[in-house]
């Protein structure tokens, strides 16, 4: 069985409770259907 980390599929940022700090390693990668995240790896 493979487990999924469900927050990686959230359409909106998930913030730490009572803060504006994102949970874990939140990185925006899609905006208006276009990929906006660029990796530093080739």
C-alpha atoms as a PDB file:
ATOM      1  CA  UNK A   1       0.000   0.000   0.000  1.00  0.00           C
ATOM      2  CA  UNK A   2       1.239   3.485  -0.844  1.00  0.00           C
ATOM      3  CA  UNK A   3       0.392   6.327   1.489  1.00  0.00           C
ATOM      4  CA  UNK A   4      -0.271   9.818   0.202  1.00  0.00           C
ATOM      5  CA  UNK A   5       0.635  12.979   2.028  1.00  0.00           C
ATOM      6  CA  UNK A   6      -2.670  14.707   1.367  1.00  0.00           C
ATOM      7  CA  UNK A   7      -1.478  18.259   1.965  1.00  0.00           C
ATOM      8  CA  UNK A   8       0.645  17.992  -1.174  1.00  0.00           C
ATOM      9  CA  UNK A   9      -2.569  17.964  -3.196  1.00  0.00           C
ATOM     10  CA  UNK A  10      -4.235  20.968  -1.586  1.00  0.00           C
ATOM     11  CA  UNK A  11      -5.396  23.634  -4.060  1.00  0.00           C
ATOM     12  CA  UNK A  12      -4.817  26.307  -1.413  1.00  0.00           C
ATOM     13  CA  UNK A  13      -1.943  26.945   1.011  1.00  0.00           C
ATOM     14  CA  UNK A  14      -2.254  25.274   4.395  1.00  0.00           C
ATOM     15  CA  UNK A  15      -1.110  27.483   7.242  1.00  0.00           C
ATOM     16  CA  UNK A  16       0.044  26.672  10.738  1.00  0.00           C
ATOM     17  CA  UNK A  17      -2.809  27.229  13.197  1.00  0.00           C
ATOM     18  CA  UNK A  18      -3.331  30.860  14.201  1.00  0.00           C
ATOM     19  CA  UNK A  19      -0.501  32.120  11.956  1.00  0.00           C
ATOM     20  CA  UNK A  20       0.146  33.126   8.370  1.00  0.00           C
ATOM     21  CA  UNK A  21       3.195  30.823   8.169  1.00  0.00           C
ATOM     22  CA  UNK A  22       2.763  27.966   5.681  1.00  0.00           C
ATOM     23  CA  UNK A  23       2.896  24.384   6.915  1.00  0.00           C
ATOM     24  CA  UNK A  24       5.898  22.287   5.930  1.00  0.00           C
ATOM     25  CA  UNK A  25       7.566  23.164   2.615  1.00  0.00           C
ATOM     26  CA  UNK A  26       4.768  25.012   0.877  1.00  0.00           C
ATOM     27  CA  UNK A  27       5.841  26.045  -2.607  1.00  0.00           C
ATOM     28  CA  UNK A  28       3.445  27.560  -5.140  1.00  0.00           C
ATOM     29  CA  UNK A  29       3.874  25.747  -8.442  1.00  0.00           C
ATOM     30  CA  UNK A  30       0.716  26.376 -10.473  1.00  0.00           C
ATOM     31  CA  UNK A  31      -0.963  29.708 -11.064  1.00  0.00           C
ATOM     32  CA  UNK A  32      -3.874  30.145 -13.471  1.00  0.00           C
ATOM     33  CA  UNK A  33      -3.163  26.653 -14.824  1.00  0.00           C
ATOM     34  CA  UNK A  34       0.464  27.480 -15.658  1.00  0.00           C
ATOM     35  CA  UNK A  35       3.556  26.065 -13.947  1.00  0.00           C
ATOM     36  CA  UNK A  36       5.307  28.850 -12.059  1.00  0.00           C
ATOM     37  CA  UNK A  37       7.753  26.816  -9.945  1.00  0.00           C
ATOM     38  CA  UNK A  38      11.209  26.334 -11.414  1.00  0.00           C
ATOM     39  CA  UNK A  39      13.592  23.823  -9.869  1.00  0.00           C
ATOM     40  CA  UNK A  40      17.278  24.553  -9.586  1.00  0.00           C
ATOM     41  CA  UNK A  41      18.073  21.105 -10.939  1.00  0.00           C
ATOM     42  CA  UNK A  42      18.471  20.492 -14.683  1.00  0.00           C
END
